[in-house]
């Protein structure tokens, strides 16, 4: 009798655990360019509130982190994100969202477009990395973006000359600051070519229609001047998608909007 009771209790406990796993929301939190690691606190407040709400959060260091900047190509970055999504699925979590800050936003979008059915919502926070605008050489910030445009043109020439897999100094612009990245021409184009799916306007129409998207932008962010038309209005219609403007800058937006982000994720991932 005691053995039967013990077996019943174990079975009930296992069933409860499975149900709880199914009910939990899993998040892969994607940091921005030159973020990640212990020196980056930009996502700490949001991370803590997600955990406090019961979400299971994976916060990886990505190829564009401060210490890896920039490691490999865009395809390899998508594979890394896929591995983190699979970890959540192996835990039995059924509802998974990608939440990206800055460059993490186009990465989240690209993953959702490439792997339909793997994630169920996207949170795009202070979205950044704009190959389209780099290519126009617009004075989008205090420094004109021509360096990236020239870099893309040079990378194409290097590939034509058979030097596509040789690492060289390349130009990057991060919030108006000019940086140098050591990448091959082929890898550089995978991140900076305006026709690639690292460009949000290219990827937006390819997001699965059943994946709702939250776009959060601060009033002091350079990209706010483009409003909804640049990317958000190109997304497939979804009644749960939301465009949200907050008082904040590029770095502070995830913390400023943390409560709204958590609330939206819960609502968007509830059937």
C-alpha atoms as a PDB file:
ATOM      1  CA  UNK A   1       0.000   0.000   0.000  1.00  0.00           C
ATOM      2  CA  UNK A   2       2.842   2.362   0.930  1.00  0.00           C
ATOM      3  CA  UNK A   3       4.673   1.490  -2.302  1.00  0.00           C
ATOM      4  CA  UNK A   4       1.574   2.195  -4.365  1.00  0.00           C
ATOM      5  CA  UNK A   5       1.133   5.534  -2.601  1.00  0.00           C
ATOM      6  CA  UNK A   6       4.761   6.446  -3.221  1.00  0.00           C
ATOM      7  CA  UNK A   7       4.454   5.568  -6.907  1.00  0.00           C
ATOM      8  CA  UNK A   8       1.285   7.667  -7.142  1.00  0.00           C
ATOM      9  CA  UNK A   9       2.967  10.638  -5.463  1.00  0.00           C
ATOM     10  CA  UNK A  10       5.968  10.396  -7.798  1.00  0.00           C
ATOM     11  CA  UNK A  11       3.680  10.209 -10.814  1.00  0.00           C
ATOM     12  CA  UNK A  12       1.716  13.248  -9.641  1.00  0.00           C
ATOM     13  CA  UNK A  13       4.921  15.192  -8.962  1.00  0.00           C
ATOM     14  CA  UNK A  14       6.264  14.367 -12.418  1.00  0.00           C
ATOM     15  CA  UNK A  15       2.993  15.362 -14.055  1.00  0.00           C
ATOM     16  CA  UNK A  16       2.968  18.641 -12.114  1.00  0.00           C
ATOM     17  CA  UNK A  17       6.560  19.374 -13.170  1.00  0.00           C
ATOM     18  CA  UNK A  18       5.704  18.781 -16.812  1.00  0.00           C
ATOM     19  CA  UNK A  19       2.687  21.075 -16.581  1.00  0.00           C
ATOM     20  CA  UNK A  20       4.754  23.799 -14.904  1.00  0.00           C
ATOM     21  CA  UNK A  21       7.444  23.508 -17.572  1.00  0.00           C
ATOM     22  CA  UNK A  22       4.821  23.819 -20.266  1.00  0.00           C
ATOM     23  CA  UNK A  23       3.350  26.900 -18.608  1.00  0.00           C
ATOM     24  CA  UNK A  24       6.671  28.691 -18.175  1.00  0.00           C
ATOM     25  CA  UNK A  25       7.897  31.238 -20.678  1.00  0.00           C
ATOM     26  CA  UNK A  26      11.436  30.849 -21.961  1.00  0.00           C
ATOM     27  CA  UNK A  27      13.484  33.859 -23.042  1.00  0.00           C
ATOM     28  CA  UNK A  28      16.742  34.131 -24.925  1.00  0.00           C
ATOM     29  CA  UNK A  29      17.989  37.625 -24.122  1.00  0.00           C
ATOM     30  CA  UNK A  30      20.229  39.001 -26.876  1.00  0.00           C
ATOM     31  CA  UNK A  31      22.539  41.864 -25.925  1.00  0.00           C
ATOM     32  CA  UNK A  32      23.585  44.699 -28.198  1.00  0.00           C
ATOM     33  CA  UNK A  33      26.799  45.449 -30.051  1.00  0.00           C
ATOM     34  CA  UNK A  34      29.844  45.426 -27.752  1.00  0.00           C
ATOM     35  CA  UNK A  35      27.632  44.410 -24.827  1.00  0.00           C
ATOM     36  CA  UNK A  36      27.540  41.096 -23.008  1.00  0.00           C
ATOM     37  CA  UNK A  37      29.736  39.798 -20.221  1.00  0.00           C
ATOM     38  CA  UNK A  38      30.065  41.122 -16.646  1.00  0.00           C
ATOM     39  CA  UNK A  39      30.855  44.691 -17.734  1.00  0.00           C
ATOM     40  CA  UNK A  40      27.458  45.130 -19.407  1.00  0.00           C
ATOM     41  CA  UNK A  41      24.593  46.051 -17.072  1.00  0.00           C
ATOM     42  CA  UNK A  42      22.179  47.389 -19.706  1.00  0.00           C
ATOM     43  CA  UNK A  43      19.894  44.342 -19.505  1.00  0.00           C
ATOM     44  CA  UNK A  44      20.254  43.586 -15.786  1.00  0.00           C
ATOM     45  CA  UNK A  45      17.017  45.242 -14.651  1.00  0.00           C
ATOM     46  CA  UNK A  46      14.964  43.572 -17.373  1.00  0.00           C
ATOM     47  CA  UNK A  47      16.647  40.228 -16.738  1.00  0.00           C
ATOM     48  CA  UNK A  48      15.827  40.401 -13.023  1.00  0.00           C
ATOM     49  CA  UNK A  49      12.186  41.323 -13.640  1.00  0.00           C
ATOM     50  CA  UNK A  50      11.797  38.491 -16.130  1.00  0.00           C
ATOM     51  CA  UNK A  51      13.134  36.019 -13.599  1.00  0.00           C
ATOM     52  CA  UNK A  52      10.988  37.474 -10.817  1.00  0.00           C
ATOM     53  CA  UNK A  53       7.927  36.928 -13.013  1.00  0.00           C
ATOM     54  CA  UNK A  54       8.795  33.234 -13.366  1.00  0.00           C
ATOM     55  CA  UNK A  55      10.356  33.330 -16.805  1.00  0.00           C
ATOM     56  CA  UNK A  56      13.310  31.088 -17.604  1.00  0.00           C
ATOM     57  CA  UNK A  57      15.989  33.326 -19.097  1.00  0.00           C
ATOM     58  CA  UNK A  58      19.134  32.450 -21.019  1.00  0.00           C
ATOM     59  CA  UNK A  59      21.466  35.437 -21.398  1.00  0.00           C
ATOM     60  CA  UNK A  60      24.346  34.351 -23.667  1.00  0.00           C
ATOM     61  CA  UNK A  61      27.441  36.218 -24.744  1.00  0.00           C
ATOM     62  CA  UNK A  62      27.079  36.611 -28.496  1.00  0.00           C
ATOM     63  CA  UNK A  63      29.546  37.025 -31.389  1.00  0.00           C
ATOM     64  CA  UNK A  64      29.224  40.830 -31.291  1.00  0.00           C
ATOM     65  CA  UNK A  65      30.060  41.134 -27.572  1.00  0.00           C
ATOM     66  CA  UNK A  66      32.831  43.386 -26.272  1.00  0.00           C
ATOM     67  CA  UNK A  67      35.266  40.484 -25.984  1.00  0.00           C
ATOM     68  CA  UNK A  68      34.322  38.702 -29.256  1.00  0.00           C
ATOM     69  CA  UNK A  69      33.669  41.727 -31.476  1.00  0.00           C
ATOM     70  CA  UNK A  70      32.846  40.491 -34.186  1.00  0.00           C
ATOM     71  CA  UNK A  71      33.378  36.731 -34.266  1.00  0.00           C
ATOM     72  CA  UNK A  72      32.509  34.914 -37.498  1.00  0.00           C
ATOM     73  CA  UNK A  73      29.566  35.501 -39.791  1.00  0.00           C
ATOM     74  CA  UNK A  74      25.826  36.066 -39.432  1.00  0.00           C
ATOM     75  CA  UNK A  75      25.021  32.429 -40.206  1.00  0.00           C
ATOM     76  CA  UNK A  76      27.188  31.281 -37.297  1.00  0.00           C
ATOM     77  CA  UNK A  77      25.432  33.772 -35.001  1.00  0.00           C
ATOM     78  CA  UNK A  78      22.056  32.309 -35.982  1.00  0.00           C
ATOM     79  CA  UNK A  79      23.369  28.828 -35.173  1.00  0.00           C
ATOM     80  CA  UNK A  80      24.432  30.003 -31.709  1.00  0.00           C
ATOM     81  CA  UNK A  81      20.988  31.442 -31.038  1.00  0.00           C
ATOM     82  CA  UNK A  82      19.423  28.212 -32.257  1.00  0.00           C
ATOM     83  CA  UNK A  83      21.463  26.233 -29.730  1.00  0.00           C
ATOM     84  CA  UNK A  84      20.129  28.417 -26.897  1.00  0.00           C
ATOM     85  CA  UNK A  85      16.545  28.021 -28.100  1.00  0.00           C
ATOM     86  CA  UNK A  86      17.040  24.254 -28.127  1.00  0.00           C
ATOM     87  CA  UNK A  87      18.245  24.358 -24.501  1.00  0.00           C
ATOM     88  CA  UNK A  88      14.929  25.887 -23.482  1.00  0.00           C
ATOM     89  CA  UNK A  89      13.013  23.287 -25.481  1.00  0.00           C
ATOM     90  CA  UNK A  90      15.007  20.495 -23.827  1.00  0.00           C
ATOM     91  CA  UNK A  91      13.815  21.874 -20.483  1.00  0.00           C
ATOM     92  CA  UNK A  92      10.258  21.257 -21.654  1.00  0.00           C
ATOM     93  CA  UNK A  93       9.415  24.908 -22.223  1.00  0.00           C
ATOM     94  CA  UNK A  94       6.802  25.341 -24.925  1.00  0.00           C
ATOM     95  CA  UNK A  95       6.552  29.135 -25.238  1.00  0.00           C
ATOM     96  CA  UNK A  96       9.804  30.823 -26.212  1.00  0.00           C
ATOM     97  CA  UNK A  97      10.597  34.435 -27.106  1.00  0.00           C
ATOM     98  CA  UNK A  98      13.698  36.171 -28.337  1.00  0.00           C
ATOM     99  CA  UNK A  99      14.235  39.580 -26.771  1.00  0.00           C
ATOM    100  CA  UNK A 100      16.995  41.616 -28.390  1.00  0.00           C
ATOM    101  CA  UNK A 101      18.591  44.942 -27.567  1.00  0.00           C
ATOM    102  CA  UNK A 102      20.130  47.030 -30.371  1.00  0.00           C
ATOM    103  CA  UNK A 103      21.946  44.572 -32.714  1.00  0.00           C
ATOM    104  CA  UNK A 104      20.151  41.811 -30.805  1.00  0.00           C
ATOM    105  CA  UNK A 105      16.939  43.036 -32.488  1.00  0.00           C
ATOM    106  CA  UNK A 106      17.864  42.289 -36.119  1.00  0.00           C
ATOM    107  CA  UNK A 107      19.396  39.044 -34.861  1.00  0.00           C
ATOM    108  CA  UNK A 108      16.103  38.063 -33.229  1.00  0.00           C
ATOM    109  CA  UNK A 109      14.201  38.934 -36.395  1.00  0.00           C
ATOM    110  CA  UNK A 110      16.591  37.039 -38.633  1.00  0.00           C
ATOM    111  CA  UNK A 111      16.368  33.944 -36.447  1.00  0.00           C
ATOM    112  CA  UNK A 112      12.561  33.995 -36.443  1.00  0.00           C
ATOM    113  CA  UNK A 113      12.506  34.304 -40.240  1.00  0.00           C
ATOM    114  CA  UNK A 114      15.050  31.516 -40.732  1.00  0.00           C
ATOM    115  CA  UNK A 115      13.592  29.125 -38.164  1.00  0.00           C
ATOM    116  CA  UNK A 116       9.787  29.366 -38.397  1.00  0.00           C
ATOM    117  CA  UNK A 117       8.006  27.634 -35.544  1.00  0.00           C
ATOM    118  CA  UNK A 118      10.950  27.773 -33.132  1.00  0.00           C
ATOM    119  CA  UNK A 119       9.997  30.983 -31.305  1.00  0.00           C
ATOM    120  CA  UNK A 120       6.613  32.460 -30.501  1.00  0.00           C
ATOM    121  CA  UNK A 121       7.262  36.176 -29.894  1.00  0.00           C
ATOM    122  CA  UNK A 122       9.925  38.818 -30.477  1.00  0.00           C
ATOM    123  CA  UNK A 123      10.843  41.751 -28.256  1.00  0.00           C
ATOM    124  CA  UNK A 124      12.897  44.387 -30.097  1.00  0.00           C
ATOM    125  CA  UNK A 125      14.350  46.939 -27.690  1.00  0.00           C
ATOM    126  CA  UNK A 126      16.045  50.108 -28.963  1.00  0.00           C
ATOM    127  CA  UNK A 127      16.658  48.313 -32.261  1.00  0.00           C
ATOM    128  CA  UNK A 128      19.995  49.116 -33.846  1.00  0.00           C
ATOM    129  CA  UNK A 129      22.334  48.185 -36.694  1.00  0.00           C
ATOM    130  CA  UNK A 130      21.044  49.724 -39.900  1.00  0.00           C
ATOM    131  CA  UNK A 131      22.920  48.588 -43.046  1.00  0.00           C
ATOM    132  CA  UNK A 132      20.312  50.321 -45.217  1.00  0.00           C
ATOM    133  CA  UNK A 133      21.105  53.728 -43.744  1.00  0.00           C
ATOM    134  CA  UNK A 134      24.841  53.040 -43.740  1.00  0.00           C
ATOM    135  CA  UNK A 135      24.553  52.456 -47.489  1.00  0.00           C
ATOM    136  CA  UNK A 136      22.921  55.874 -47.998  1.00  0.00           C
ATOM    137  CA  UNK A 137      25.789  57.616 -46.210  1.00  0.00           C
ATOM    138  CA  UNK A 138      23.271  59.736 -44.290  1.00  0.00           C
ATOM    139  CA  UNK A 139      24.443  61.890 -41.344  1.00  0.00           C
ATOM    140  CA  UNK A 140      22.316  59.699 -39.094  1.00  0.00           C
ATOM    141  CA  UNK A 141      24.355  60.714 -36.075  1.00  0.00           C
ATOM    142  CA  UNK A 142      27.218  63.150 -35.391  1.00  0.00           C
ATOM    143  CA  UNK A 143      29.446  60.964 -37.610  1.00  0.00           C
ATOM    144  CA  UNK A 144      28.345  60.222 -41.180  1.00  0.00           C
ATOM    145  CA  UNK A 145      27.950  56.545 -41.975  1.00  0.00           C
ATOM    146  CA  UNK A 146      30.074  56.621 -45.160  1.00  0.00           C
ATOM    147  CA  UNK A 147      32.790  54.492 -43.582  1.00  0.00           C
ATOM    148  CA  UNK A 148      30.533  51.445 -43.568  1.00  0.00           C
ATOM    149  CA  UNK A 149      29.336  52.134 -47.115  1.00  0.00           C
ATOM    150  CA  UNK A 150      32.950  52.294 -48.275  1.00  0.00           C
ATOM    151  CA  UNK A 151      33.724  49.149 -46.280  1.00  0.00           C
ATOM    152  CA  UNK A 152      30.917  47.220 -47.978  1.00  0.00           C
ATOM    153  CA  UNK A 153      32.113  48.301 -51.410  1.00  0.00           C
ATOM    154  CA  UNK A 154      35.701  47.338 -50.561  1.00  0.00           C
ATOM    155  CA  UNK A 155      34.585  43.965 -49.167  1.00  0.00           C
ATOM    156  CA  UNK A 156      32.827  43.176 -52.428  1.00  0.00           C
ATOM    157  CA  UNK A 157      36.005  44.014 -54.343  1.00  0.00           C
ATOM    158  CA  UNK A 158      38.067  41.790 -52.026  1.00  0.00           C
ATOM    159  CA  UNK A 159      35.740  38.862 -52.682  1.00  0.00           C
ATOM    160  CA  UNK A 160      35.949  39.426 -56.430  1.00  0.00           C
ATOM    161  CA  UNK A 161      39.748  39.446 -56.122  1.00  0.00           C
ATOM    162  CA  UNK A 162      39.722  36.134 -54.271  1.00  0.00           C
ATOM    163  CA  UNK A 163      40.477  37.633 -50.850  1.00  0.00           C
ATOM    164  CA  UNK A 164      37.066  37.051 -49.299  1.00  0.00           C
ATOM    165  CA  UNK A 165      38.338  34.851 -46.473  1.00  0.00           C
ATOM    166  CA  UNK A 166      41.272  36.989 -45.367  1.00  0.00           C
ATOM    167  CA  UNK A 167      40.804  38.928 -42.116  1.00  0.00           C
ATOM    168  CA  UNK A 168      41.256  42.662 -42.506  1.00  0.00           C
ATOM    169  CA  UNK A 169      40.465  45.857 -40.617  1.00  0.00           C
ATOM    170  CA  UNK A 170      36.876  46.858 -41.381  1.00  0.00           C
ATOM    171  CA  UNK A 171      34.729  49.840 -40.407  1.00  0.00           C
ATOM    172  CA  UNK A 172      31.812  49.718 -37.979  1.00  0.00           C
ATOM    173  CA  UNK A 173      29.607  52.502 -36.628  1.00  0.00           C
ATOM    174  CA  UNK A 174      28.058  52.030 -33.197  1.00  0.00           C
ATOM    175  CA  UNK A 175      25.748  54.849 -32.055  1.00  0.00           C
ATOM    176  CA  UNK A 176      27.729  57.424 -33.958  1.00  0.00           C
ATOM    177  CA  UNK A 177      31.141  56.102 -32.939  1.00  0.00           C
ATOM    178  CA  UNK A 178      33.481  54.746 -35.590  1.00  0.00           C
ATOM    179  CA  UNK A 179      35.040  51.384 -34.671  1.00  0.00           C
ATOM    180  CA  UNK A 180      37.430  48.962 -36.290  1.00  0.00           C
ATOM    181  CA  UNK A 181      36.522  45.284 -36.550  1.00  0.00           C
ATOM    182  CA  UNK A 182      38.797  42.510 -37.778  1.00  0.00           C
ATOM    183  CA  UNK A 183      36.702  40.374 -40.089  1.00  0.00           C
ATOM    184  CA  UNK A 184      36.936  38.652 -43.428  1.00  0.00           C
ATOM    185  CA  UNK A 185      35.252  40.443 -46.321  1.00  0.00           C
ATOM    186  CA  UNK A 186      32.698  37.652 -46.559  1.00  0.00           C
ATOM    187  CA  UNK A 187      31.859  37.799 -42.847  1.00  0.00           C
ATOM    188  CA  UNK A 188      31.699  41.592 -42.947  1.00  0.00           C
ATOM    189  CA  UNK A 189      29.130  41.564 -45.738  1.00  0.00           C
ATOM    190  CA  UNK A 190      27.001  39.071 -43.819  1.00  0.00           C
ATOM    191  CA  UNK A 191      26.574  41.759 -41.130  1.00  0.00           C
ATOM    192  CA  UNK A 192      26.722  44.992 -43.136  1.00  0.00           C
ATOM    193  CA  UNK A 193      25.388  44.337 -46.632  1.00  0.00           C
ATOM    194  CA  UNK A 194      22.092  46.301 -46.935  1.00  0.00           C
ATOM    195  CA  UNK A 195      20.622  43.377 -48.898  1.00  0.00           C
ATOM    196  CA  UNK A 196      21.355  40.853 -46.132  1.00  0.00           C
ATOM    197  CA  UNK A 197      18.924  39.705 -43.460  1.00  0.00           C
ATOM    198  CA  UNK A 198      20.978  41.577 -40.896  1.00  0.00           C
ATOM    199  CA  UNK A 199      19.015  44.562 -42.249  1.00  0.00           C
ATOM    200  CA  UNK A 200      15.710  44.753 -40.378  1.00  0.00           C
ATOM    201  CA  UNK A 201      13.702  46.236 -43.252  1.00  0.00           C
ATOM    202  CA  UNK A 202      14.674  43.259 -45.415  1.00  0.00           C
ATOM    203  CA  UNK A 203      13.766  40.691 -42.770  1.00  0.00           C
ATOM    204  CA  UNK A 204      10.535  42.236 -41.453  1.00  0.00           C
ATOM    205  CA  UNK A 205       8.160  40.882 -44.146  1.00  0.00           C
ATOM    206  CA  UNK A 206       9.586  37.382 -43.640  1.00  0.00           C
ATOM    207  CA  UNK A 207       8.683  37.094 -39.955  1.00  0.00           C
ATOM    208  CA  UNK A 208       6.021  34.384 -39.532  1.00  0.00           C
ATOM    209  CA  UNK A 209       2.613  36.044 -39.270  1.00  0.00           C
ATOM    210  CA  UNK A 210       1.809  34.132 -36.067  1.00  0.00           C
ATOM    211  CA  UNK A 211       4.795  35.662 -34.236  1.00  0.00           C
ATOM    212  CA  UNK A 212       3.825  38.916 -32.479  1.00  0.00           C
ATOM    213  CA  UNK A 213       6.466  41.628 -32.234  1.00  0.00           C
ATOM    214  CA  UNK A 214       7.048  44.307 -29.603  1.00  0.00           C
ATOM    215  CA  UNK A 215       9.071  47.301 -30.839  1.00  0.00           C
ATOM    216  CA  UNK A 216      10.296  49.595 -28.047  1.00  0.00           C
ATOM    217  CA  UNK A 217      12.144  52.808 -28.882  1.00  0.00           C
ATOM    218  CA  UNK A 218      13.296  55.692 -26.659  1.00  0.00           C
ATOM    219  CA  UNK A 219      12.539  59.317 -27.445  1.00  0.00           C
ATOM    220  CA  UNK A 220      16.268  60.111 -27.415  1.00  0.00           C
ATOM    221  CA  UNK A 221      17.241  57.256 -29.727  1.00  0.00           C
ATOM    222  CA  UNK A 222      18.483  58.209 -33.215  1.00  0.00           C
ATOM    223  CA  UNK A 223      16.216  55.646 -34.873  1.00  0.00           C
ATOM    224  CA  UNK A 224      13.003  57.114 -33.447  1.00  0.00           C
ATOM    225  CA  UNK A 225      12.982  59.685 -36.263  1.00  0.00           C
ATOM    226  CA  UNK A 226      12.108  56.866 -38.675  1.00  0.00           C
ATOM    227  CA  UNK A 227       8.982  55.970 -36.696  1.00  0.00           C
ATOM    228  CA  UNK A 228       6.965  52.906 -37.629  1.00  0.00           C
ATOM    229  CA  UNK A 229       7.557  53.004 -41.380  1.00  0.00           C
ATOM    230  CA  UNK A 230      11.184  51.834 -41.469  1.00  0.00           C
ATOM    231  CA  UNK A 231      10.541  48.342 -40.036  1.00  0.00           C
ATOM    232  CA  UNK A 232       7.418  47.937 -37.913  1.00  0.00           C
ATOM    233  CA  UNK A 233       4.882  48.628 -40.663  1.00  0.00           C
ATOM    234  CA  UNK A 234       6.628  46.040 -42.861  1.00  0.00           C
ATOM    235  CA  UNK A 235       5.882  43.239 -40.383  1.00  0.00           C
ATOM    236  CA  UNK A 236       2.987  40.867 -41.108  1.00  0.00           C
ATOM    237  CA  UNK A 237      -0.142  42.000 -39.303  1.00  0.00           C
ATOM    238  CA  UNK A 238      -0.616  40.494 -35.859  1.00  0.00           C
ATOM    239  CA  UNK A 239      -3.165  41.753 -33.328  1.00  0.00           C
ATOM    240  CA  UNK A 240      -0.697  41.251 -30.466  1.00  0.00           C
ATOM    241  CA  UNK A 241       2.135  43.239 -32.030  1.00  0.00           C
ATOM    242  CA  UNK A 242       2.838  46.628 -30.467  1.00  0.00           C
ATOM    243  CA  UNK A 243       4.891  49.728 -31.278  1.00  0.00           C
ATOM    244  CA  UNK A 244       5.902  51.463 -28.035  1.00  0.00           C
ATOM    245  CA  UNK A 245       7.717  54.776 -27.530  1.00  0.00           C
ATOM    246  CA  UNK A 246       9.196  55.508 -24.089  1.00  0.00           C
ATOM    247  CA  UNK A 247      11.268  58.238 -22.440  1.00  0.00           C
ATOM    248  CA  UNK A 248      14.825  56.995 -22.696  1.00  0.00           C
ATOM    249  CA  UNK A 249      17.954  56.682 -24.790  1.00  0.00           C
ATOM    250  CA  UNK A 250      19.486  53.756 -26.641  1.00  0.00           C
ATOM    251  CA  UNK A 251      21.070  52.198 -23.552  1.00  0.00           C
ATOM    252  CA  UNK A 252      18.387  52.978 -20.964  1.00  0.00           C
ATOM    253  CA  UNK A 253      15.349  51.765 -22.938  1.00  0.00           C
ATOM    254  CA  UNK A 254      15.388  48.103 -21.760  1.00  0.00           C
ATOM    255  CA  UNK A 255      15.372  49.202 -18.104  1.00  0.00           C
ATOM    256  CA  UNK A 256      12.891  52.049 -18.585  1.00  0.00           C
ATOM    257  CA  UNK A 257      10.399  49.773 -20.352  1.00  0.00           C
ATOM    258  CA  UNK A 258      11.107  46.603 -18.356  1.00  0.00           C
ATOM    259  CA  UNK A 259       7.655  46.381 -16.746  1.00  0.00           C
ATOM    260  CA  UNK A 260       5.853  46.901 -20.060  1.00  0.00           C
ATOM    261  CA  UNK A 261       8.097  44.343 -21.749  1.00  0.00           C
ATOM    262  CA  UNK A 262       7.372  41.649 -19.164  1.00  0.00           C
ATOM    263  CA  UNK A 263       3.640  42.375 -19.259  1.00  0.00           C
ATOM    264  CA  UNK A 264       3.577  42.260 -23.053  1.00  0.00           C
ATOM    265  CA  UNK A 265       5.451  38.970 -23.193  1.00  0.00           C
ATOM    266  CA  UNK A 266       3.004  37.359 -20.789  1.00  0.00           C
ATOM    267  CA  UNK A 267       0.032  38.584 -22.808  1.00  0.00           C
ATOM    268  CA  UNK A 268       1.553  37.745 -26.184  1.00  0.00           C
ATOM    269  CA  UNK A 269       2.455  34.207 -25.154  1.00  0.00           C
ATOM    270  CA  UNK A 270      -0.908  33.402 -23.596  1.00  0.00           C
ATOM    271  CA  UNK A 271      -3.191  31.459 -25.921  1.00  0.00           C
END
